[in-house]
Amino acid sequence: NESLLSQLEAQNDETIDVMTDKVKLLKNLTIKMGTEIKSANLNSLSDTFDKTSSSLKRNFNNLLIVSKNAGISWKSWLIFFILVFGFFFWVWIF
């Protein structure tokens, strides 16, 4: 009976060791996956910011060209667009 308990105890210790190793592997895998996902998200975010920045620059340059051709200063256009945006924002809120 004593040998059976000893054998079961040894078997239990082996199983715990195997499970501990598997948990460590899963933890390392999860950490690596998290790092990769964060890196991919940051790269994607950086690309999005670059595209948005170039789009805003292009639109601002187009706005300057339009304002020069129309004879209206870019400050007037800016005020106009702020007022339009403010109106839409006001309607959206209320």
PDB file of N, CA and C in Angstrom:
ATOM      1  N   ASN A   1       0.823  -1.186   0.000  1.00  0.00           N
ATOM      2  CA  ASN A   1       0.000   0.000   0.000  1.00  0.00           C
ATOM      3  C   ASN A   1       0.876   1.262   0.000  1.00  0.00           C
ATOM      4  N   GLU A   2       1.922   1.205   0.800  1.00  0.00           N
ATOM      5  CA  GLU A   2       2.852   2.333   0.871  1.00  0.00           C
ATOM      6  C   GLU A   2       3.550   2.554  -0.462  1.00  0.00           C
ATOM      7  N   SER A   3       3.913   1.481  -1.137  1.00  0.00           N
ATOM      8  CA  SER A   3       4.587   1.599  -2.439  1.00  0.00           C
ATOM      9  C   SER A   3       3.629   2.146  -3.497  1.00  0.00           C
ATOM     10  N   LEU A   4       2.362   1.771  -3.403  1.00  0.00           N
ATOM     11  CA  LEU A   4       1.361   2.281  -4.345  1.00  0.00           C
ATOM     12  C   LEU A   4       1.205   3.798  -4.172  1.00  0.00           C
ATOM     13  N   LEU A   5       1.143   4.252  -2.921  1.00  0.00           N
ATOM     14  CA  LEU A   5       1.044   5.687  -2.663  1.00  0.00           C
ATOM     15  C   LEU A   5       2.287   6.419  -3.156  1.00  0.00           C
ATOM     16  N   SER A   6       3.436   5.831  -2.954  1.00  0.00           N
ATOM     17  CA  SER A   6       4.685   6.426  -3.417  1.00  0.00           C
ATOM     18  C   SER A   6       4.714   6.506  -4.939  1.00  0.00           C
ATOM     19  N   GLN A   7       4.240   5.443  -5.577  1.00  0.00           N
ATOM     20  CA  GLN A   7       4.199   5.407  -7.039  1.00  0.00           C
ATOM     21  C   GLN A   7       3.218   6.459  -7.575  1.00  0.00           C
ATOM     22  N   LEU A   8       2.058   6.568  -6.943  1.00  0.00           N
ATOM     23  CA  LEU A   8       1.072   7.569  -7.358  1.00  0.00           C
ATOM     24  C   LEU A   8       1.605   8.992  -7.145  1.00  0.00           C
ATOM     25  N   GLU A   9       2.326   9.168  -6.039  1.00  0.00           N
ATOM     26  CA  GLU A   9       2.920  10.476  -5.762  1.00  0.00           C
ATOM     27  C   GLU A   9       3.945  10.848  -6.826  1.00  0.00           C
ATOM     28  N   ALA A  10       4.778   9.899  -7.216  1.00  0.00           N
ATOM     29  CA  ALA A  10       5.788  10.138  -8.252  1.00  0.00           C
ATOM     30  C   ALA A  10       5.115  10.443  -9.586  1.00  0.00           C
ATOM     31  N   GLN A  11       4.058   9.693  -9.880  1.00  0.00           N
ATOM     32  CA  GLN A  11       3.319   9.908 -11.127  1.00  0.00           C
ATOM     33  C   GLN A  11       2.669  11.302 -11.127  1.00  0.00           C
ATOM     34  N   ASN A  12       2.143  11.686  -9.982  1.00  0.00           N
ATOM     35  CA  ASN A  12       1.535  13.008  -9.840  1.00  0.00           C
ATOM     36  C   ASN A  12       2.586  14.103 -10.034  1.00  0.00           C
ATOM     37  N   ASP A  13       3.763  13.915  -9.449  1.00  0.00           N
ATOM     38  CA  ASP A  13       4.842  14.894  -9.610  1.00  0.00           C
ATOM     39  C   ASP A  13       5.260  15.016 -11.071  1.00  0.00           C
ATOM     40  N   GLU A  14       5.343  13.887 -11.771  1.00  0.00           N
ATOM     41  CA  GLU A  14       5.690  13.903 -13.203  1.00  0.00           C
ATOM     42  C   GLU A  14       4.652  14.687 -13.998  1.00  0.00           C
ATOM     43  N   THR A  15       3.393  14.416 -13.714  1.00  0.00           N
ATOM     44  CA  THR A  15       2.310  15.099 -14.426  1.00  0.00           C
ATOM     45  C   THR A  15       2.351  16.603 -14.157  1.00  0.00           C
ATOM     46  N   ILE A  16       2.608  16.967 -12.912  1.00  0.00           N
ATOM     47  CA  ILE A  16       2.699  18.391 -12.569  1.00  0.00           C
ATOM     48  C   ILE A  16       3.865  19.039 -13.300  1.00  0.00           C
ATOM     49  N   ASP A  17       5.011  18.342 -13.365  1.00  0.00           N
ATOM     50  CA  ASP A  17       6.171  18.884 -14.082  1.00  0.00           C
ATOM     51  C   ASP A  17       5.870  19.084 -15.564  1.00  0.00           C
ATOM     52  N   VAL A  18       5.206  18.104 -16.176  1.00  0.00           N
ATOM     53  CA  VAL A  18       4.854  18.208 -17.597  1.00  0.00           C
ATOM     54  C   VAL A  18       3.891  19.377 -17.815  1.00  0.00           C
ATOM     55  N   MET A  19       2.901  19.483 -16.935  1.00  0.00           N
ATOM     56  CA  MET A  19       1.935  20.577 -17.071  1.00  0.00           C
ATOM     57  C   MET A  19       2.602  21.932 -16.851  1.00  0.00           C
ATOM     58  N   THR A  20       3.533  22.004 -15.911  1.00  0.00           N
ATOM     59  CA  THR A  20       4.260  23.249 -15.666  1.00  0.00           C
ATOM     60  C   THR A  20       5.049  23.658 -16.898  1.00  0.00           C
ATOM     61  N   ASP A  21       5.715  22.688 -17.529  1.00  0.00           N
ATOM     62  CA  ASP A  21       6.462  22.982 -18.753  1.00  0.00           C
ATOM     63  C   ASP A  21       5.536  23.473 -19.863  1.00  0.00           C
ATOM     64  N   LYS A  22       4.379  22.837 -19.993  1.00  0.00           N
ATOM     65  CA  LYS A  22       3.430  23.248 -21.032  1.00  0.00           C
ATOM     66  C   LYS A  22       2.888  24.649 -20.762  1.00  0.00           C
ATOM     67  N   VAL A  23       2.628  24.954 -19.502  1.00  0.00           N
ATOM     68  CA  VAL A  23       2.141  26.291 -19.150  1.00  0.00           C
ATOM     69  C   VAL A  23       3.208  27.336 -19.458  1.00  0.00           C
ATOM     70  N   LYS A  24       4.476  27.025 -19.165  1.00  0.00           N
ATOM     71  CA  LYS A  24       5.568  27.952 -19.483  1.00  0.00           C
ATOM     72  C   LYS A  24       5.667  28.181 -20.984  1.00  0.00           C
ATOM     73  N   LEU A  25       5.526  27.100 -21.769  1.00  0.00           N
ATOM     74  CA  LEU A  25       5.560  27.238 -23.224  1.00  0.00           C
ATOM     75  C   LEU A  25       4.405  28.106 -23.721  1.00  0.00           C
ATOM     76  N   LEU A  26       3.216  27.857 -23.176  1.00  0.00           N
ATOM     77  CA  LEU A  26       2.056  28.659 -23.577  1.00  0.00           C
ATOM     78  C   LEU A  26       2.234  30.126 -23.186  1.00  0.00           C
ATOM     79  N   LYS A  27       2.806  30.363 -22.011  1.00  0.00           N
ATOM     80  CA  LYS A  27       3.042  31.737 -21.571  1.00  0.00           C
ATOM     81  C   LYS A  27       4.015  32.435 -22.514  1.00  0.00           C
ATOM     82  N   ASN A  28       5.104  31.761 -22.859  1.00  0.00           N
ATOM     83  CA  ASN A  28       6.081  32.348 -23.780  1.00  0.00           C
ATOM     84  C   ASN A  28       5.461  32.611 -25.148  1.00  0.00           C
ATOM     85  N   LEU A  29       4.660  31.652 -25.625  1.00  0.00           N
ATOM     86  CA  LEU A  29       3.992  31.816 -26.916  1.00  0.00           C
ATOM     87  C   LEU A  29       3.038  33.008 -26.879  1.00  0.00           C
ATOM     88  N   THR A  30       2.298  33.136 -25.790  1.00  0.00           N
ATOM     89  CA  THR A  30       1.358  34.243 -25.651  1.00  0.00           C
ATOM     90  C   THR A  30       2.087  35.582 -25.620  1.00  0.00           C
ATOM     91  N   ILE A  31       3.207  35.634 -24.919  1.00  0.00           N
ATOM     92  CA  ILE A  31       3.992  36.872 -24.859  1.00  0.00           C
ATOM     93  C   ILE A  31       4.512  37.231 -26.243  1.00  0.00           C
ATOM     94  N   LYS A  32       5.019  36.230 -26.974  1.00  0.00           N
ATOM     95  CA  LYS A  32       5.526  36.488 -28.326  1.00  0.00           C
ATOM     96  C   LYS A  32       4.403  36.950 -29.250  1.00  0.00           C
ATOM     97  N   MET A  33       3.227  36.319 -29.123  1.00  0.00           N
ATOM     98  CA  MET A  33       2.087  36.724 -29.950  1.00  0.00           C
ATOM     99  C   MET A  33       1.677  38.156 -29.631  1.00  0.00           C
ATOM    100  N   GLY A  34       1.648  38.502 -28.339  1.00  0.00           N
ATOM    101  CA  GLY A  34       1.288  39.860 -27.945  1.00  0.00           C
ATOM    102  C   GLY A  34       2.261  40.881 -28.500  1.00  0.00           C
ATOM    103  N   THR A  35       3.551  40.551 -28.451  1.00  0.00           N
ATOM    104  CA  THR A  35       4.568  41.448 -28.993  1.00  0.00           C
ATOM    105  C   THR A  35       4.386  41.627 -30.491  1.00  0.00           C
ATOM    106  N   GLU A  36       4.134  40.527 -31.192  1.00  0.00           N
ATOM    107  CA  GLU A  36       3.944  40.588 -32.646  1.00  0.00           C
ATOM    108  C   GLU A  36       2.699  41.396 -33.006  1.00  0.00           C
ATOM    109  N   ILE A  37       1.622  41.188 -32.260  1.00  0.00           N
ATOM    110  CA  ILE A  37       0.376  41.914 -32.531  1.00  0.00           C
ATOM    111  C   ILE A  37       0.567  43.408 -32.281  1.00  0.00           C
ATOM    112  N   LYS A  38       1.238  43.759 -31.169  1.00  0.00           N
ATOM    113  CA  LYS A  38       1.491  45.174 -30.890  1.00  0.00           C
ATOM    114  C   LYS A  38       2.339  45.795 -31.986  1.00  0.00           C
ATOM    115  N   SER A  39       3.346  45.062 -32.432  1.00  0.00           N
ATOM    116  CA  SER A  39       4.221  45.569 -33.492  1.00  0.00           C
ATOM    117  C   SER A  39       3.434  45.786 -34.779  1.00  0.00           C
ATOM    118  N   ALA A  40       2.585  44.813 -35.125  1.00  0.00           N
ATOM    119  CA  ALA A  40       1.782  44.933 -36.345  1.00  0.00           C
ATOM    120  C   ALA A  40       0.810  46.100 -36.231  1.00  0.00           C
ATOM    121  N   ASN A  41       0.195  46.262 -35.059  1.00  0.00           N
ATOM    122  CA  ASN A  41      -0.744  47.370 -34.866  1.00  0.00           C
ATOM    123  C   ASN A  41      -0.036  48.712 -34.951  1.00  0.00           C
ATOM    124  N   LEU A  42       1.171  48.798 -34.379  1.00  0.00           N
ATOM    125  CA  LEU A  42       1.915  50.052 -34.442  1.00  0.00           C
ATOM    126  C   LEU A  42       2.324  50.371 -35.873  1.00  0.00           C
ATOM    127  N   ASN A  43       2.741  49.336 -36.624  1.00  0.00           N
ATOM    128  CA  ASN A  43       3.105  49.565 -38.026  1.00  0.00           C
ATOM    129  C   ASN A  43       1.896  50.031 -38.822  1.00  0.00           C
ATOM    130  N   SER A  44       0.761  49.393 -38.576  1.00  0.00           N
ATOM    131  CA  SER A  44      -0.466  49.774 -39.272  1.00  0.00           C
ATOM    132  C   SER A  44      -0.870  51.198 -38.899  1.00  0.00           C
ATOM    133  N   LEU A  45      -0.752  51.529 -37.628  1.00  0.00           N
ATOM    134  CA  LEU A  45      -1.098  52.868 -37.174  1.00  0.00           C
ATOM    135  C   LEU A  45      -0.170  53.906 -37.786  1.00  0.00           C
ATOM    136  N   SER A  46       1.107  53.570 -37.865  1.00  0.00           N
ATOM    137  CA  SER A  46       2.079  54.481 -38.471  1.00  0.00           C
ATOM    138  C   SER A  46       1.752  54.712 -39.944  1.00  0.00           C
ATOM    139  N   ASP A  47       1.417  53.631 -40.660  1.00  0.00           N
ATOM    140  CA  ASP A  47       1.039  53.774 -42.068  1.00  0.00           C
ATOM    141  C   ASP A  47      -0.207  54.643 -42.219  1.00  0.00           C
ATOM    142  N   THR A  48      -1.173  54.436 -41.343  1.00  0.00           N
ATOM    143  CA  THR A  48      -2.406  55.221 -41.398  1.00  0.00           C
ATOM    144  C   THR A  48      -2.124  56.696 -41.145  1.00  0.00           C
ATOM    145  N   PHE A  49      -1.269  56.988 -40.170  1.00  0.00           N
ATOM    146  CA  PHE A  49      -0.913  58.382 -39.901  1.00  0.00           C
ATOM    147  C   PHE A  49      -0.190  58.999 -41.087  1.00  0.00           C
ATOM    148  N   ASP A  50       0.700  58.234 -41.715  1.00  0.00           N
ATOM    149  CA  ASP A  50       1.416  58.756 -42.882  1.00  0.00           C
ATOM    150  C   ASP A  50       0.448  59.084 -44.015  1.00  0.00           C
ATOM    151  N   LYS A  51      -0.488  58.166 -44.275  1.00  0.00           N
ATOM    152  CA  LYS A  51      -1.465  58.395 -45.342  1.00  0.00           C
ATOM    153  C   LYS A  51      -2.350  59.604 -45.021  1.00  0.00           C
ATOM    154  N   THR A  52      -2.782  59.689 -43.763  1.00  0.00           N
ATOM    155  CA  THR A  52      -3.637  60.802 -43.357  1.00  0.00           C
ATOM    156  C   THR A  52      -2.891  62.123 -43.449  1.00  0.00           C
ATOM    157  N   SER A  53      -1.646  62.108 -43.022  1.00  0.00           N
ATOM    158  CA  SER A  53      -0.838  63.332 -43.079  1.00  0.00           C
ATOM    159  C   SER A  53      -0.661  63.804 -44.516  1.00  0.00           C
ATOM    160  N   SER A  54      -0.332  62.884 -45.413  1.00  0.00           N
ATOM    161  CA  SER A  54      -0.153  63.281 -46.815  1.00  0.00           C
ATOM    162  C   SER A  54      -1.476  63.741 -47.424  1.00  0.00           C
ATOM    163  N   SER A  55      -2.565  63.100 -47.040  1.00  0.00           N
ATOM    164  CA  SER A  55      -3.875  63.510 -47.545  1.00  0.00           C
ATOM    165  C   SER A  55      -4.237  64.909 -47.053  1.00  0.00           C
ATOM    166  N   LEU A  56      -3.972  65.181 -45.781  1.00  0.00           N
ATOM    167  CA  LEU A  56      -4.259  66.517 -45.250  1.00  0.00           C
ATOM    168  C   LEU A  56      -3.399  67.580 -45.920  1.00  0.00           C
ATOM    169  N   LYS A  57      -2.130  67.275 -46.146  1.00  0.00           N
ATOM    170  CA  LYS A  57      -1.252  68.230 -46.830  1.00  0.00           C
ATOM    171  C   LYS A  57      -1.754  68.509 -48.239  1.00  0.00           C
ATOM    172  N   ARG A  58      -2.144  67.438 -48.940  1.00  0.00           N
ATOM    173  CA  ARG A  58      -2.641  67.590 -50.307  1.00  0.00           C
ATOM    174  C   ARG A  58      -3.922  68.430 -50.316  1.00  0.00           C
ATOM    175  N   ASN A  59      -4.836  68.137 -49.388  1.00  0.00           N
ATOM    176  CA  ASN A  59      -6.086  68.894 -49.329  1.00  0.00           C
ATOM    177  C   ASN A  59      -5.849  70.352 -48.966  1.00  0.00           C
ATOM    178  N   PHE A  60      -4.922  70.597 -48.048  1.00  0.00           N
ATOM    179  CA  PHE A  60      -4.618  71.981 -47.677  1.00  0.00           C
ATOM    180  C   PHE A  60      -4.010  72.730 -48.853  1.00  0.00           C
ATOM    181  N   ASN A  61      -3.113  72.068 -49.587  1.00  0.00           N
ATOM    182  CA  ASN A  61      -2.526  72.707 -50.771  1.00  0.00           C
ATOM    183  C   ASN A  61      -3.594  72.990 -51.822  1.00  0.00           C
ATOM    184  N   ASN A  62      -4.512  72.040 -52.008  1.00  0.00           N
ATOM    185  CA  ASN A  62      -5.620  72.275 -52.945  1.00  0.00           C
ATOM    186  C   ASN A  62      -6.487  73.440 -52.484  1.00  0.00           C
ATOM    187  N   LEU A  63      -6.704  73.534 -51.184  1.00  0.00           N
ATOM    188  CA  LEU A  63      -7.484  74.640 -50.641  1.00  0.00           C
ATOM    189  C   LEU A  63      -6.788  75.971 -50.892  1.00  0.00           C
ATOM    190  N   LEU A  64      -5.476  75.995 -50.737  1.00  0.00           N
ATOM    191  CA  LEU A  64      -4.727  77.223 -51.018  1.00  0.00           C
ATOM    192  C   LEU A  64      -4.839  77.611 -52.487  1.00  0.00           C
ATOM    193  N   ILE A  65      -4.755  76.625 -53.383  1.00  0.00           N
ATOM    194  CA  ILE A  65      -4.872  76.897 -54.821  1.00  0.00           C
ATOM    195  C   ILE A  65      -6.260  77.435 -55.151  1.00  0.00           C
ATOM    196  N   VAL A  66      -7.286  76.800 -54.584  1.00  0.00           N
ATOM    197  CA  VAL A  66      -8.658  77.247 -54.830  1.00  0.00           C
ATOM    198  C   VAL A  66      -8.856  78.661 -54.302  1.00  0.00           C
ATOM    199  N   SER A  67      -8.325  78.935 -53.120  1.00  0.00           N
ATOM    200  CA  SER A  67      -8.516  80.279 -52.557  1.00  0.00           C
ATOM    201  C   SER A  67      -7.783  81.332 -53.375  1.00  0.00           C
ATOM    202  N   LYS A  68      -6.621  80.992 -53.933  1.00  0.00           N
ATOM    203  CA  LYS A  68      -5.905  81.948 -54.783  1.00  0.00           C
ATOM    204  C   LYS A  68      -6.688  82.212 -56.065  1.00  0.00           C
ATOM    205  N   ASN A  69      -7.245  81.144 -56.646  1.00  0.00           N
ATOM    206  CA  ASN A  69      -8.002  81.294 -57.891  1.00  0.00           C
ATOM    207  C   ASN A  69      -9.323  82.022 -57.671  1.00  0.00           C
ATOM    208  N   ALA A  70      -9.906  81.872 -56.506  1.00  0.00           N
ATOM    209  CA  ALA A  70     -11.203  82.491 -56.238  1.00  0.00           C
ATOM    210  C   ALA A  70     -11.061  83.923 -55.756  1.00  0.00           C
ATOM    211  N   GLY A  71      -9.873  84.315 -55.395  1.00  0.00           N
ATOM    212  CA  GLY A  71      -9.675  85.667 -54.899  1.00  0.00           C
ATOM    213  C   GLY A  71     -10.062  85.817 -53.439  1.00  0.00           C
ATOM    214  N   ILE A  72     -10.315  84.714 -52.768  1.00  0.00           N
ATOM    215  CA  ILE A  72     -10.677  84.742 -51.351  1.00  0.00           C
ATOM    216  C   ILE A  72      -9.492  84.186 -50.566  1.00  0.00           C
ATOM    217  N   SER A  73      -9.145  84.814 -49.472  1.00  0.00           N
ATOM    218  CA  SER A  73      -7.979  84.364 -48.703  1.00  0.00           C
ATOM    219  C   SER A  73      -8.251  83.005 -48.057  1.00  0.00           C
ATOM    220  N   TRP A  74      -7.183  82.304 -47.787  1.00  0.00           N
ATOM    221  CA  TRP A  74      -7.331  80.968 -47.189  1.00  0.00           C
ATOM    222  C   TRP A  74      -7.892  81.068 -45.780  1.00  0.00           C
ATOM    223  N   LYS A  75      -7.684  82.197 -45.127  1.00  0.00           N
ATOM    224  CA  LYS A  75      -8.242  82.377 -43.783  1.00  0.00           C
ATOM    225  C   LYS A  75      -9.764  82.440 -43.841  1.00  0.00           C
ATOM    226  N   SER A  76     -10.276  83.063 -44.889  1.00  0.00           N
ATOM    227  CA  SER A  76     -11.733  83.124 -45.058  1.00  0.00           C
ATOM    228  C   SER A  76     -12.301  81.731 -45.288  1.00  0.00           C
ATOM    229  N   TRP A  77     -11.609  80.940 -46.115  1.00  0.00           N
ATOM    230  CA  TRP A  77     -12.046  79.561 -46.344  1.00  0.00           C
ATOM    231  C   TRP A  77     -12.002  78.756 -45.049  1.00  0.00           C
ATOM    232  N   LEU A  78     -10.957  78.966 -44.277  1.00  0.00           N
ATOM    233  CA  LEU A  78     -10.819  78.247 -43.014  1.00  0.00           C
ATOM    234  C   LEU A  78     -11.964  78.593 -42.078  1.00  0.00           C
ATOM    235  N   ILE A  79     -12.288  79.856 -41.983  1.00  0.00           N
ATOM    236  CA  ILE A  79     -13.414  80.277 -41.143  1.00  0.00           C
ATOM    237  C   ILE A  79     -14.713  79.674 -41.659  1.00  0.00           C
ATOM    238  N   PHE A  80     -14.893  79.674 -42.982  1.00  0.00           N
ATOM    239  CA  PHE A  80     -16.095  79.086 -43.576  1.00  0.00           C
ATOM    240  C   PHE A  80     -16.228  77.607 -43.207  1.00  0.00           C
ATOM    241  N   PHE A  81     -15.140  76.848 -43.372  1.00  0.00           N
ATOM    242  CA  PHE A  81     -15.201  75.417 -43.069  1.00  0.00           C
ATOM    243  C   PHE A  81     -15.376  75.153 -41.580  1.00  0.00           C
ATOM    244  N   ILE A  82     -14.810  75.988 -40.739  1.00  0.00           N
ATOM    245  CA  ILE A  82     -15.021  75.834 -39.300  1.00  0.00           C
ATOM    246  C   ILE A  82     -16.481  76.085 -38.957  1.00  0.00           C
ATOM    247  N   LEU A  83     -17.078  77.094 -39.579  1.00  0.00           N
ATOM    248  CA  LEU A  83     -18.497  77.370 -39.340  1.00  0.00           C
ATOM    249  C   LEU A  83     -19.375  76.219 -39.823  1.00  0.00           C
ATOM    250  N   VAL A  84     -19.074  75.688 -41.003  1.00  0.00           N
ATOM    251  CA  VAL A  84     -19.855  74.558 -41.529  1.00  0.00           C
ATOM    252  C   VAL A  84     -19.698  73.352 -40.620  1.00  0.00           C
ATOM    253  N   PHE A  85     -18.461  73.066 -40.226  1.00  0.00           N
ATOM    254  CA  PHE A  85     -18.224  71.941 -39.325  1.00  0.00           C
ATOM    255  C   PHE A  85     -18.940  72.162 -37.994  1.00  0.00           C
ATOM    256  N   GLY A  86     -18.881  73.389 -37.473  1.00  0.00           N
ATOM    257  CA  GLY A  86     -19.563  73.705 -36.221  1.00  0.00           C
ATOM    258  C   GLY A  86     -21.063  73.510 -36.340  1.00  0.00           C
ATOM    259  N   PHE A  87     -21.638  73.915 -37.481  1.00  0.00           N
ATOM    260  CA  PHE A  87     -23.070  73.717 -37.696  1.00  0.00           C
ATOM    261  C   PHE A  87     -23.429  72.233 -37.696  1.00  0.00           C
ATOM    262  N   PHE A  88     -22.668  71.430 -38.442  1.00  0.00           N
ATOM    263  CA  PHE A  88     -22.941  69.996 -38.481  1.00  0.00           C
ATOM    264  C   PHE A  88     -22.750  69.357 -37.112  1.00  0.00           C
ATOM    265  N   PHE A  89     -21.747  69.804 -36.384  1.00  0.00           N
ATOM    266  CA  PHE A  89     -21.518  69.285 -35.041  1.00  0.00           C
ATOM    267  C   PHE A  89     -22.682  69.644 -34.126  1.00  0.00           C
ATOM    268  N   TRP A  90     -23.163  70.891 -34.235  1.00  0.00           N
ATOM    269  CA  TRP A  90     -24.298  71.351 -33.433  1.00  0.00           C
ATOM    270  C   TRP A  90     -25.543  70.518 -33.739  1.00  0.00           C
ATOM    271  N   VAL A  91     -25.803  70.269 -35.011  1.00  0.00           N
ATOM    272  CA  VAL A  91     -26.966  69.463 -35.404  1.00  0.00           C
ATOM    273  C   VAL A  91     -26.806  68.031 -34.903  1.00  0.00           C
ATOM    274  N   TRP A  92     -25.603  67.511 -34.966  1.00  0.00           N
ATOM    275  CA  TRP A  92     -25.346  66.136 -34.532  1.00  0.00           C
ATOM    276  C   TRP A  92     -25.554  65.993 -33.021  1.00  0.00           C
ATOM    277  N   ILE A  93     -25.122  66.991 -32.252  1.00  0.00           N
ATOM    278  CA  ILE A  93     -25.253  66.936 -30.792  1.00  0.00           C
ATOM    279  C   ILE A  93     -26.711  67.079 -30.376  1.00  0.00           C
ATOM    280  N   PHE A  94     -27.414  68.034 -30.984  1.00  0.00           N
ATOM    281  CA  PHE A  94     -28.791  68.300 -30.583  1.00  0.00           C
ATOM    282  C   PHE A  94     -29.682  67.766 -31.635  1.00  0.00           C
TER     283      PHE A  94
END
